[in-house]
Amino acid sequence: MLLTEVSGAIVRRANSDKGFADDARSALERVMLFWDHGGIALHRLTTDRVARAARIALELGHPLADCVYLSLAIELDCDLATCDAKSHAKSAGRYPGTRMLAEYGR
């Protein structure tokens, strides 16, 4: 899911901001290279992981797909970076490892 989500965010930005098109092509190329060279650890989606994510989604009243990432971050005891302010607002109080991506640039 991650490759589709990241690539989709880049494409959405390029489609809404035509001045970003060249940067988008470059960003997509870098994402694919990073992915192809093992820069991202892959974790299979199992029934246990979906069940945990569904419990979180019901608790937060938030979409399951977003909670899959949150559930995995909790399982791996790592931060979850998001650009989704709504998701961040719902989860940050209960899961302090949830951070806005912009926080990492500071």
PDB file of N, CA and C in Angstrom:
ATOM      1  N   MET A   1       0.806  -1.192   0.000  1.00  0.00           N
ATOM      2  CA  MET A   1       0.000   0.000   0.000  1.00  0.00           C
ATOM      3  C   MET A   1       0.854   1.263   0.000  1.00  0.00           C
ATOM      4  N   LEU A   2       1.996   1.219   0.667  1.00  0.00           N
ATOM      5  CA  LEU A   2       2.797   2.424   0.834  1.00  0.00           C
ATOM      6  C   LEU A   2       3.267   3.009  -0.490  1.00  0.00           C
ATOM      7  N   LEU A   3       3.732   2.167  -1.387  1.00  0.00           N
ATOM      8  CA  LEU A   3       4.216   2.668  -2.669  1.00  0.00           C
ATOM      9  C   LEU A   3       3.097   3.389  -3.422  1.00  0.00           C
ATOM     10  N   THR A   4       1.911   2.835  -3.411  1.00  0.00           N
ATOM     11  CA  THR A   4       0.768   3.461  -4.062  1.00  0.00           C
ATOM     12  C   THR A   4       0.387   4.760  -3.364  1.00  0.00           C
ATOM     13  N   GLU A   5       0.406   4.769  -2.046  1.00  0.00           N
ATOM     14  CA  GLU A   5       0.035   5.974  -1.287  1.00  0.00           C
ATOM     15  C   GLU A   5       1.013   7.119  -1.557  1.00  0.00           C
ATOM     16  N   VAL A   6       2.301   6.844  -1.476  1.00  0.00           N
ATOM     17  CA  VAL A   6       3.307   7.896  -1.673  1.00  0.00           C
ATOM     18  C   VAL A   6       3.269   8.398  -3.115  1.00  0.00           C
ATOM     19  N   SER A   7       3.237   7.467  -4.049  1.00  0.00           N
ATOM     20  CA  SER A   7       3.183   7.860  -5.464  1.00  0.00           C
ATOM     21  C   SER A   7       1.909   8.633  -5.761  1.00  0.00           C
ATOM     22  N   GLY A   8       0.795   8.193  -5.181  1.00  0.00           N
ATOM     23  CA  GLY A   8      -0.474   8.877  -5.381  1.00  0.00           C
ATOM     24  C   GLY A   8      -0.452  10.300  -4.842  1.00  0.00           C
ATOM     25  N   ALA A   9       0.188  10.507  -3.705  1.00  0.00           N
ATOM     26  CA  ALA A   9       0.289  11.856  -3.134  1.00  0.00           C
ATOM     27  C   ALA A   9       1.099  12.770  -4.050  1.00  0.00           C
ATOM     28  N   ILE A  10       2.169  12.238  -4.617  1.00  0.00           N
ATOM     29  CA  ILE A  10       2.996  13.030  -5.538  1.00  0.00           C
ATOM     30  C   ILE A  10       2.197  13.387  -6.788  1.00  0.00           C
ATOM     31  N   VAL A  11       1.479  12.427  -7.336  1.00  0.00           N
ATOM     32  CA  VAL A  11       0.675  12.665  -8.538  1.00  0.00           C
ATOM     33  C   VAL A  11      -0.442  13.671  -8.253  1.00  0.00           C
ATOM     34  N   ARG A  12      -1.120  13.530  -7.100  1.00  0.00           N
ATOM     35  CA  ARG A  12      -2.185  14.485  -6.749  1.00  0.00           C
ATOM     36  C   ARG A  12      -1.639  15.904  -6.677  1.00  0.00           C
ATOM     37  N   ARG A  13      -0.472  16.046  -6.054  1.00  0.00           N
ATOM     38  CA  ARG A  13       0.135  17.382  -5.960  1.00  0.00           C
ATOM     39  C   ARG A  13       0.446  17.922  -7.355  1.00  0.00           C
ATOM     40  N   ALA A  14       1.008  17.089  -8.208  1.00  0.00           N
ATOM     41  CA  ALA A  14       1.350  17.525  -9.569  1.00  0.00           C
ATOM     42  C   ALA A  14       0.103  17.878 -10.366  1.00  0.00           C
ATOM     43  N   ASN A  15      -0.965  17.123 -10.190  1.00  0.00           N
ATOM     44  CA  ASN A  15      -2.202  17.403 -10.915  1.00  0.00           C
ATOM     45  C   ASN A  15      -2.868  18.690 -10.446  1.00  0.00           C
ATOM     46  N   SER A  16      -2.657  19.068  -9.202  1.00  0.00           N
ATOM     47  CA  SER A  16      -3.267  20.296  -8.695  1.00  0.00           C
ATOM     48  C   SER A  16      -2.345  21.510  -8.822  1.00  0.00           C
ATOM     49  N   ASP A  17      -1.061  21.251  -9.049  1.00  0.00           N
ATOM     50  CA  ASP A  17      -0.073  22.333  -9.174  1.00  0.00           C
ATOM     51  C   ASP A  17       0.829  22.007 -10.355  1.00  0.00           C
ATOM     52  N   LYS A  18       0.433  22.483 -11.540  1.00  0.00           N
ATOM     53  CA  LYS A  18       1.160  22.143 -12.767  1.00  0.00           C
ATOM     54  C   LYS A  18       2.626  22.574 -12.706  1.00  0.00           C
ATOM     55  N   GLY A  19       2.961  23.552 -11.871  1.00  0.00           N
ATOM     56  CA  GLY A  19       4.349  23.968 -11.714  1.00  0.00           C
ATOM     57  C   GLY A  19       5.195  22.923 -10.998  1.00  0.00           C
ATOM     58  N   PHE A  20       4.548  21.935 -10.404  1.00  0.00           N
ATOM     59  CA  PHE A  20       5.232  20.875  -9.669  1.00  0.00           C
ATOM     60  C   PHE A  20       5.514  19.652 -10.547  1.00  0.00           C
ATOM     61  N   ALA A  21       5.069  19.654 -11.792  1.00  0.00           N
ATOM     62  CA  ALA A  21       5.145  18.463 -12.651  1.00  0.00           C
ATOM     63  C   ALA A  21       6.564  17.926 -12.808  1.00  0.00           C
ATOM     64  N   ASP A  22       7.529  18.778 -13.086  1.00  0.00           N
ATOM     65  CA  ASP A  22       8.909  18.296 -13.243  1.00  0.00           C
ATOM     66  C   ASP A  22       9.449  17.733 -11.934  1.00  0.00           C
ATOM     67  N   ASP A  23       9.163  18.432 -10.838  1.00  0.00           N
ATOM     68  CA  ASP A  23       9.589  17.929  -9.528  1.00  0.00           C
ATOM     69  C   ASP A  23       8.925  16.596  -9.219  1.00  0.00           C
ATOM     70  N   ALA A  24       7.664  16.455  -9.637  1.00  0.00           N
ATOM     71  CA  ALA A  24       6.935  15.209  -9.388  1.00  0.00           C
ATOM     72  C   ALA A  24       7.595  14.040 -10.113  1.00  0.00           C
ATOM     73  N   ARG A  25       7.986  14.255 -11.342  1.00  0.00           N
ATOM     74  CA  ARG A  25       8.652  13.178 -12.085  1.00  0.00           C
ATOM     75  C   ARG A  25       9.931  12.754 -11.375  1.00  0.00           C
ATOM     76  N   SER A  26      10.689  13.715 -10.926  1.00  0.00           N
ATOM     77  CA  SER A  26      11.928  13.432 -10.214  1.00  0.00           C
ATOM     78  C   SER A  26      11.649  12.723  -8.887  1.00  0.00           C
ATOM     79  N   ALA A  27      10.639  13.194  -8.173  1.00  0.00           N
ATOM     80  CA  ALA A  27      10.280  12.580  -6.890  1.00  0.00           C
ATOM     81  C   ALA A  27       9.835  11.137  -7.083  1.00  0.00           C
ATOM     82  N   LEU A  28       9.017  10.891  -8.100  1.00  0.00           N
ATOM     83  CA  LEU A  28       8.572   9.525  -8.378  1.00  0.00           C
ATOM     84  C   LEU A  28       9.751   8.618  -8.706  1.00  0.00           C
ATOM     85  N   GLU A  29      10.687   9.117  -9.478  1.00  0.00           N
ATOM     86  CA  GLU A  29      11.874   8.330  -9.820  1.00  0.00           C
ATOM     87  C   GLU A  29      12.672   7.990  -8.559  1.00  0.00           C
ATOM     88  N   ARG A  30      12.840   8.955  -7.673  1.00  0.00           N
ATOM     89  CA  ARG A  30      13.594   8.709  -6.434  1.00  0.00           C
ATOM     90  C   ARG A  30      12.875   7.707  -5.541  1.00  0.00           C
ATOM     91  N   VAL A  31      11.547   7.813  -5.456  1.00  0.00           N
ATOM     92  CA  VAL A  31      10.771   6.868  -4.652  1.00  0.00           C
ATOM     93  C   VAL A  31      10.960   5.448  -5.189  1.00  0.00           C
ATOM     94  N   MET A  32      10.862   5.292  -6.508  1.00  0.00           N
ATOM     95  CA  MET A  32      11.003   3.953  -7.107  1.00  0.00           C
ATOM     96  C   MET A  32      12.408   3.385  -6.880  1.00  0.00           C
ATOM     97  N   LEU A  33      13.422   4.215  -7.029  1.00  0.00           N
ATOM     98  CA  LEU A  33      14.796   3.751  -6.784  1.00  0.00           C
ATOM     99  C   LEU A  33      14.986   3.345  -5.327  1.00  0.00           C
ATOM    100  N   PHE A  34      14.481   4.165  -4.421  1.00  0.00           N
ATOM    101  CA  PHE A  34      14.583   3.881  -2.996  1.00  0.00           C
ATOM    102  C   PHE A  34      13.910   2.554  -2.687  1.00  0.00           C
ATOM    103  N   TRP A  35      12.718   2.355  -3.267  1.00  0.00           N
ATOM    104  CA  TRP A  35      11.957   1.117  -3.069  1.00  0.00           C
ATOM    105  C   TRP A  35      12.722  -0.077  -3.638  1.00  0.00           C
ATOM    106  N   ASP A  36      13.183   0.060  -4.880  1.00  0.00           N
ATOM    107  CA  ASP A  36      13.872  -1.044  -5.555  1.00  0.00           C
ATOM    108  C   ASP A  36      15.167  -1.457  -4.861  1.00  0.00           C
ATOM    109  N   HIS A  37      15.796  -0.526  -4.168  1.00  0.00           N
ATOM    110  CA  HIS A  37      17.061  -0.826  -3.501  1.00  0.00           C
ATOM    111  C   HIS A  37      16.892  -1.179  -2.023  1.00  0.00           C
ATOM    112  N   GLY A  38      15.679  -1.528  -1.630  1.00  0.00           N
ATOM    113  CA  GLY A  38      15.432  -2.014  -0.265  1.00  0.00           C
ATOM    114  C   GLY A  38      15.430  -0.934   0.792  1.00  0.00           C
ATOM    115  N   GLY A  39      15.183   0.298   0.409  1.00  0.00           N
ATOM    116  CA  GLY A  39      15.175   1.392   1.371  1.00  0.00           C
ATOM    117  C   GLY A  39      13.972   1.385   2.297  1.00  0.00           C
ATOM    118  N   ILE A  40      13.011   0.533   2.012  1.00  0.00           N
ATOM    119  CA  ILE A  40      11.812   0.437   2.834  1.00  0.00           C
ATOM    120  C   ILE A  40      11.634  -1.024   3.236  1.00  0.00           C
ATOM    121  N   ALA A  41      11.500  -1.256   4.547  1.00  0.00           N
ATOM    122  CA  ALA A  41      11.274  -2.617   5.035  1.00  0.00           C
ATOM    123  C   ALA A  41       9.817  -2.989   4.762  1.00  0.00           C
ATOM    124  N   LEU A  42       9.619  -4.160   4.210  1.00  0.00           N
ATOM    125  CA  LEU A  42       8.271  -4.615   3.876  1.00  0.00           C
ATOM    126  C   LEU A  42       7.725  -5.513   4.982  1.00  0.00           C
ATOM    127  N   HIS A  43       6.463  -5.312   5.307  1.00  0.00           N
ATOM    128  CA  HIS A  43       5.779  -6.122   6.311  1.00  0.00           C
ATOM    129  C   HIS A  43       4.460  -6.580   5.706  1.00  0.00           C
ATOM    130  N   ARG A  44       4.260  -7.875   5.675  1.00  0.00           N
ATOM    131  CA  ARG A  44       3.043  -8.422   5.079  1.00  0.00           C
ATOM    132  C   ARG A  44       1.819  -8.064   5.902  1.00  0.00           C
ATOM    133  N   LEU A  45       0.741  -7.837   5.210  1.00  0.00           N
ATOM    134  CA  LEU A  45      -0.533  -7.582   5.850  1.00  0.00           C
ATOM    135  C   LEU A  45      -1.143  -8.935   6.209  1.00  0.00           C
ATOM    136  N   THR A  46      -1.242  -9.209   7.491  1.00  0.00           N
ATOM    137  CA  THR A  46      -1.789 -10.482   7.968  1.00  0.00           C
ATOM    138  C   THR A  46      -3.171 -10.236   8.568  1.00  0.00           C
ATOM    139  N   THR A  47      -3.887 -11.316   8.829  1.00  0.00           N
ATOM    140  CA  THR A  47      -5.205 -11.174   9.443  1.00  0.00           C
ATOM    141  C   THR A  47      -5.081 -10.558  10.838  1.00  0.00           C
ATOM    142  N   ASP A  48      -4.038 -10.908  11.592  1.00  0.00           N
ATOM    143  CA  ASP A  48      -3.835 -10.306  12.919  1.00  0.00           C
ATOM    144  C   ASP A  48      -3.613  -8.802  12.804  1.00  0.00           C
ATOM    145  N   ARG A  49      -2.821  -8.388  11.831  1.00  0.00           N
ATOM    146  CA  ARG A  49      -2.549  -6.959  11.653  1.00  0.00           C
ATOM    147  C   ARG A  49      -3.811  -6.203  11.232  1.00  0.00           C
ATOM    148  N   VAL A  50      -4.589  -6.789  10.352  1.00  0.00           N
ATOM    149  CA  VAL A  50      -5.836  -6.138   9.935  1.00  0.00           C
ATOM    150  C   VAL A  50      -6.804  -6.061  11.113  1.00  0.00           C
ATOM    151  N   ALA A  51      -6.869  -7.120  11.918  1.00  0.00           N
ATOM    152  CA  ALA A  51      -7.760  -7.115  13.087  1.00  0.00           C
ATOM    153  C   ALA A  51      -7.358  -6.013  14.067  1.00  0.00           C
ATOM    154  N   ARG A  52      -6.048  -5.854  14.335  1.00  0.00           N
ATOM    155  CA  ARG A  52      -5.590  -4.780  15.234  1.00  0.00           C
ATOM    156  C   ARG A  52      -5.912  -3.412  14.638  1.00  0.00           C
ATOM    157  N   ALA A  53      -5.679  -3.268  13.348  1.00  0.00           N
ATOM    158  CA  ALA A  53      -5.967  -2.001  12.679  1.00  0.00           C
ATOM    159  C   ALA A  53      -7.466  -1.695  12.725  1.00  0.00           C
ATOM    160  N   ALA A  54      -8.291  -2.703  12.558  1.00  0.00           N
ATOM    161  CA  ALA A  54      -9.746  -2.509  12.599  1.00  0.00           C
ATOM    162  C   ALA A  54     -10.190  -2.063  13.994  1.00  0.00           C
ATOM    163  N   ARG A  55      -9.584  -2.633  15.039  1.00  0.00           N
ATOM    164  CA  ARG A  55      -9.922  -2.207  16.403  1.00  0.00           C
ATOM    165  C   ARG A  55      -9.569  -0.724  16.596  1.00  0.00           C
ATOM    166  N   ILE A  56      -8.404  -0.334  16.099  1.00  0.00           N
ATOM    167  CA  ILE A  56      -7.991   1.073  16.211  1.00  0.00           C
ATOM    168  C   ILE A  56      -8.925   1.966  15.400  1.00  0.00           C
ATOM    169  N   ALA A  57      -9.277   1.528  14.184  1.00  0.00           N
ATOM    170  CA  ALA A  57     -10.170   2.311  13.316  1.00  0.00           C
ATOM    171  C   ALA A  57     -11.523   2.536  13.981  1.00  0.00           C
ATOM    172  N   LEU A  58     -12.039   1.503  14.623  1.00  0.00           N
ATOM    173  CA  LEU A  58     -13.318   1.634  15.320  1.00  0.00           C
ATOM    174  C   LEU A  58     -13.177   2.560  16.531  1.00  0.00           C
ATOM    175  N   GLU A  59     -12.064   2.437  17.245  1.00  0.00           N
ATOM    176  CA  GLU A  59     -11.811   3.284  18.418  1.00  0.00           C
ATOM    177  C   GLU A  59     -11.711   4.756  18.029  1.00  0.00           C
ATOM    178  N   LEU A  60     -11.015   5.034  16.928  1.00  0.00           N
ATOM    179  CA  LEU A  60     -10.798   6.418  16.502  1.00  0.00           C
ATOM    180  C   LEU A  60     -11.901   6.958  15.595  1.00  0.00           C
ATOM    181  N   GLY A  61     -12.733   6.060  15.039  1.00  0.00           N
ATOM    182  CA  GLY A  61     -13.716   6.498  14.056  1.00  0.00           C
ATOM    183  C   GLY A  61     -13.030   6.990  12.790  1.00  0.00           C
ATOM    184  N   HIS A  62     -12.028   6.239  12.361  1.00  0.00           N
ATOM    185  CA  HIS A  62     -11.192   6.649  11.239  1.00  0.00           C
ATOM    186  C   HIS A  62     -11.084   5.496  10.233  1.00  0.00           C
ATOM    187  N   PRO A  63     -10.761   5.790   8.953  1.00  0.00           N
ATOM    188  CA  PRO A  63     -10.688   4.736   7.940  1.00  0.00           C
ATOM    189  C   PRO A  63      -9.651   3.650   8.271  1.00  0.00           C
ATOM    190  N   LEU A  64     -10.030   2.438   7.944  1.00  0.00           N
ATOM    191  CA  LEU A  64      -9.168   1.284   8.202  1.00  0.00           C
ATOM    192  C   LEU A  64      -7.800   1.420   7.541  1.00  0.00           C
ATOM    193  N   ALA A  65      -7.761   1.841   6.285  1.00  0.00           N
ATOM    194  CA  ALA A  65      -6.480   1.903   5.564  1.00  0.00           C
ATOM    195  C   ALA A  65      -5.464   2.761   6.312  1.00  0.00           C
ATOM    196  N   ASP A  66      -5.879   3.910   6.832  1.00  0.00           N
ATOM    197  CA  ASP A  66      -4.965   4.757   7.603  1.00  0.00           C
ATOM    198  C   ASP A  66      -4.521   4.056   8.877  1.00  0.00           C
ATOM    199  N   CYS A  67      -5.423   3.330   9.485  1.00  0.00           N
ATOM    200  CA  CYS A  67      -5.113   2.673  10.753  1.00  0.00           C
ATOM    201  C   CYS A  67      -4.207   1.458  10.583  1.00  0.00           C
ATOM    202  N   VAL A  68      -4.124   0.916   9.385  1.00  0.00           N
ATOM    203  CA  VAL A  68      -3.155  -0.164   9.128  1.00  0.00           C
ATOM    204  C   VAL A  68      -1.748   0.364   9.376  1.00  0.00           C
ATOM    205  N   TYR A  69      -1.469   1.556   8.874  1.00  0.00           N
ATOM    206  CA  TYR A  69      -0.148   2.159   9.092  1.00  0.00           C
ATOM    207  C   TYR A  69       0.080   2.448  10.569  1.00  0.00           C
ATOM    208  N   LEU A  70      -0.923   2.981  11.234  1.00  0.00           N
ATOM    209  CA  LEU A  70      -0.805   3.298  12.653  1.00  0.00           C
ATOM    210  C   LEU A  70      -0.575   2.031  13.466  1.00  0.00           C
ATOM    211  N   SER A  71      -1.327   0.993  13.178  1.00  0.00           N
ATOM    212  CA  SER A  71      -1.185  -0.267  13.892  1.00  0.00           C
ATOM    213  C   SER A  71       0.222  -0.849  13.714  1.00  0.00           C
ATOM    214  N   LEU A  72       0.745  -0.780  12.507  1.00  0.00           N
ATOM    215  CA  LEU A  72       2.091  -1.295  12.262  1.00  0.00           C
ATOM    216  C   LEU A  72       3.134  -0.456  12.993  1.00  0.00           C
ATOM    217  N   ALA A  73       2.956   0.852  13.020  1.00  0.00           N
ATOM    218  CA  ALA A  73       3.892   1.715  13.756  1.00  0.00           C
ATOM    219  C   ALA A  73       3.885   1.366  15.241  1.00  0.00           C
ATOM    220  N   ILE A  74       2.715   1.093  15.787  1.00  0.00           N
ATOM    221  CA  ILE A  74       2.616   0.695  17.197  1.00  0.00           C
ATOM    222  C   ILE A  74       3.322  -0.638  17.398  1.00  0.00           C
ATOM    223  N   GLU A  75       3.058  -1.593  16.501  1.00  0.00           N
ATOM    224  CA  GLU A  75       3.687  -2.916  16.590  1.00  0.00           C
ATOM    225  C   GLU A  75       5.214  -2.816  16.542  1.00  0.00           C
ATOM    226  N   LEU A  76       5.721  -1.962  15.662  1.00  0.00           N
ATOM    227  CA  LEU A  76       7.168  -1.820  15.489  1.00  0.00           C
ATOM    228  C   LEU A  76       7.783  -0.816  16.469  1.00  0.00           C
ATOM    229  N   ASP A  77       6.950  -0.186  17.279  1.00  0.00           N
ATOM    230  CA  ASP A  77       7.380   0.823  18.244  1.00  0.00           C
ATOM    231  C   ASP A  77       8.194   1.926  17.568  1.00  0.00           C
ATOM    232  N   CYS A  78       7.581   2.508  16.540  1.00  0.00           N
ATOM    233  CA  CYS A  78       8.230   3.597  15.814  1.00  0.00           C
ATOM    234  C   CYS A  78       7.211   4.696  15.529  1.00  0.00           C
ATOM    235  N   ASP A  79       7.713   5.856  15.151  1.00  0.00           N
ATOM    236  CA  ASP A  79       6.830   6.964  14.805  1.00  0.00           C
ATOM    237  C   ASP A  79       6.070   6.670  13.520  1.00  0.00           C
ATOM    238  N   LEU A  80       4.941   7.327  13.379  1.00  0.00           N
ATOM    239  CA  LEU A  80       4.186   7.313  12.140  1.00  0.00           C
ATOM    240  C   LEU A  80       4.126   8.740  11.627  1.00  0.00           C
ATOM    241  N   ALA A  81       4.721   8.994  10.484  1.00  0.00           N
ATOM    242  CA  ALA A  81       4.686  10.320   9.869  1.00  0.00           C
ATOM    243  C   ALA A  81       3.497  10.386   8.931  1.00  0.00           C
ATOM    244  N   THR A  82       2.736  11.468   9.031  1.00  0.00           N
ATOM    245  CA  THR A  82       1.563  11.648   8.174  1.00  0.00           C
ATOM    246  C   THR A  82       1.479  13.086   7.690  1.00  0.00           C
ATOM    247  N   CYS A  83       0.848  13.265   6.562  1.00  0.00           N
ATOM    248  CA  CYS A  83       0.527  14.606   6.056  1.00  0.00           C
ATOM    249  C   CYS A  83      -0.954  14.893   6.277  1.00  0.00           C
ATOM    250  N   ASP A  84      -1.664  13.936   6.830  1.00  0.00           N
ATOM    251  CA  ASP A  84      -3.110  14.021   7.023  1.00  0.00           C
ATOM    252  C   ASP A  84      -3.415  14.614   8.400  1.00  0.00           C
ATOM    253  N   ALA A  85      -3.768  15.893   8.426  1.00  0.00           N
ATOM    254  CA  ALA A  85      -4.020  16.587   9.690  1.00  0.00           C
ATOM    255  C   ALA A  85      -5.186  15.952  10.457  1.00  0.00           C
ATOM    256  N   LYS A  86      -6.190  15.479   9.741  1.00  0.00           N
ATOM    257  CA  LYS A  86      -7.354  14.860  10.382  1.00  0.00           C
ATOM    258  C   LYS A  86      -6.938  13.565  11.097  1.00  0.00           C
ATOM    259  N   SER A  87      -6.150  12.750  10.418  1.00  0.00           N
ATOM    260  CA  SER A  87      -5.653  11.508  11.012  1.00  0.00           C
ATOM    261  C   SER A  87      -4.780  11.813  12.226  1.00  0.00           C
ATOM    262  N   HIS A  88      -3.915  12.796  12.075  1.00  0.00           N
ATOM    263  CA  HIS A  88      -3.027  13.183  13.171  1.00  0.00           C
ATOM    264  C   HIS A  88      -3.835  13.636  14.383  1.00  0.00           C
ATOM    265  N   ALA A  89      -4.831  14.466  14.155  1.00  0.00           N
ATOM    266  CA  ALA A  89      -5.650  14.981  15.250  1.00  0.00           C
ATOM    267  C   ALA A  89      -6.365  13.856  15.998  1.00  0.00           C
ATOM    268  N   LYS A  90      -6.838  12.870  15.262  1.00  0.00           N
ATOM    269  CA  LYS A  90      -7.558  11.762  15.888  1.00  0.00           C
ATOM    270  C   LYS A  90      -6.626  10.821  16.648  1.00  0.00           C
ATOM    271  N   SER A  91      -5.412  10.637  16.167  1.00  0.00           N
ATOM    272  CA  SER A  91      -4.556   9.608  16.749  1.00  0.00           C
ATOM    273  C   SER A  91      -3.483  10.115  17.700  1.00  0.00           C
ATOM    274  N   ALA A  92      -3.034  11.342  17.562  1.00  0.00           N
ATOM    275  CA  ALA A  92      -1.887  11.824  18.338  1.00  0.00           C
ATOM    276  C   ALA A  92      -2.112  11.770  19.847  1.00  0.00           C
ATOM    277  N   GLY A  93      -3.324  12.039  20.300  1.00  0.00           N
ATOM    278  CA  GLY A  93      -3.596  12.005  21.732  1.00  0.00           C
ATOM    279  C   GLY A  93      -3.450  10.619  22.333  1.00  0.00           C
ATOM    280  N   ARG A  94      -3.827   9.614  21.579  1.00  0.00           N
ATOM    281  CA  ARG A  94      -3.765   8.230  22.072  1.00  0.00           C
ATOM    282  C   ARG A  94      -2.462   7.541  21.696  1.00  0.00           C
ATOM    283  N   TYR A  95      -1.868   7.965  20.599  1.00  0.00           N
ATOM    284  CA  TYR A  95      -0.650   7.343  20.088  1.00  0.00           C
ATOM    285  C   TYR A  95       0.372   8.447  19.822  1.00  0.00           C
ATOM    286  N   PRO A  96       1.134   8.841  20.850  1.00  0.00           N
ATOM    287  CA  PRO A  96       2.008  10.012  20.727  1.00  0.00           C
ATOM    288  C   PRO A  96       3.103   9.892  19.665  1.00  0.00           C
ATOM    289  N   GLY A  97       3.336   8.715  19.135  1.00  0.00           N
ATOM    290  CA  GLY A  97       4.332   8.556  18.076  1.00  0.00           C
ATOM    291  C   GLY A  97       3.834   9.024  16.724  1.00  0.00           C
ATOM    292  N   THR A  98       2.583   9.476  16.652  1.00  0.00           N
ATOM    293  CA  THR A  98       2.032   9.996  15.404  1.00  0.00           C
ATOM    294  C   THR A  98       2.466  11.447  15.251  1.00  0.00           C
ATOM    295  N   ARG A  99       3.135  11.744  14.141  1.00  0.00           N
ATOM    296  CA  ARG A  99       3.659  13.092  13.922  1.00  0.00           C
ATOM    297  C   ARG A  99       3.317  13.567  12.520  1.00  0.00           C
ATOM    298  N   MET A 100       3.176  14.854  12.398  1.00  0.00           N
ATOM    299  CA  MET A 100       3.005  15.449  11.065  1.00  0.00           C
ATOM    300  C   MET A 100       4.368  15.412  10.362  1.00  0.00           C
ATOM    301  N   LEU A 101       4.361  15.069   9.101  1.00  0.00           N
ATOM    302  CA  LEU A 101       5.609  14.980   8.337  1.00  0.00           C
ATOM    303  C   LEU A 101       6.392  16.278   8.413  1.00  0.00           C
ATOM    304  N   ALA A 102       5.705  17.396   8.411  1.00  0.00           N
ATOM    305  CA  ALA A 102       6.371  18.701   8.454  1.00  0.00           C
ATOM    306  C   ALA A 102       7.219  18.871   9.720  1.00  0.00           C
ATOM    307  N   GLU A 103       6.879  18.154  10.802  1.00  0.00           N
ATOM    308  CA  GLU A 103       7.653  18.252  12.048  1.00  0.00           C
ATOM    309  C   GLU A 103       9.088  17.752  11.867  1.00  0.00           C
ATOM    310  N   TYR A 104       9.304  16.876  10.923  1.00  0.00           N
ATOM    311  CA  TYR A 104      10.635  16.310  10.717  1.00  0.00           C
ATOM    312  C   TYR A 104      11.575  17.264  10.010  1.00  0.00           C
ATOM    313  N   GLY A 105      11.022  18.306   9.388  1.00  0.00           N
ATOM    314  CA  GLY A 105      11.845  19.276   8.686  1.00  0.00           C
ATOM    315  C   GLY A 105      12.379  20.373   9.596  1.00  0.00           C
ATOM    316  N   ARG A 106      11.990  20.352  10.821  1.00  0.00           N
ATOM    317  CA  ARG A 106      12.396  21.411  11.760  1.00  0.00           C
ATOM    318  C   ARG A 106      13.713  21.103  12.408  1.00  0.00           C
TER     319      ARG A 106
END
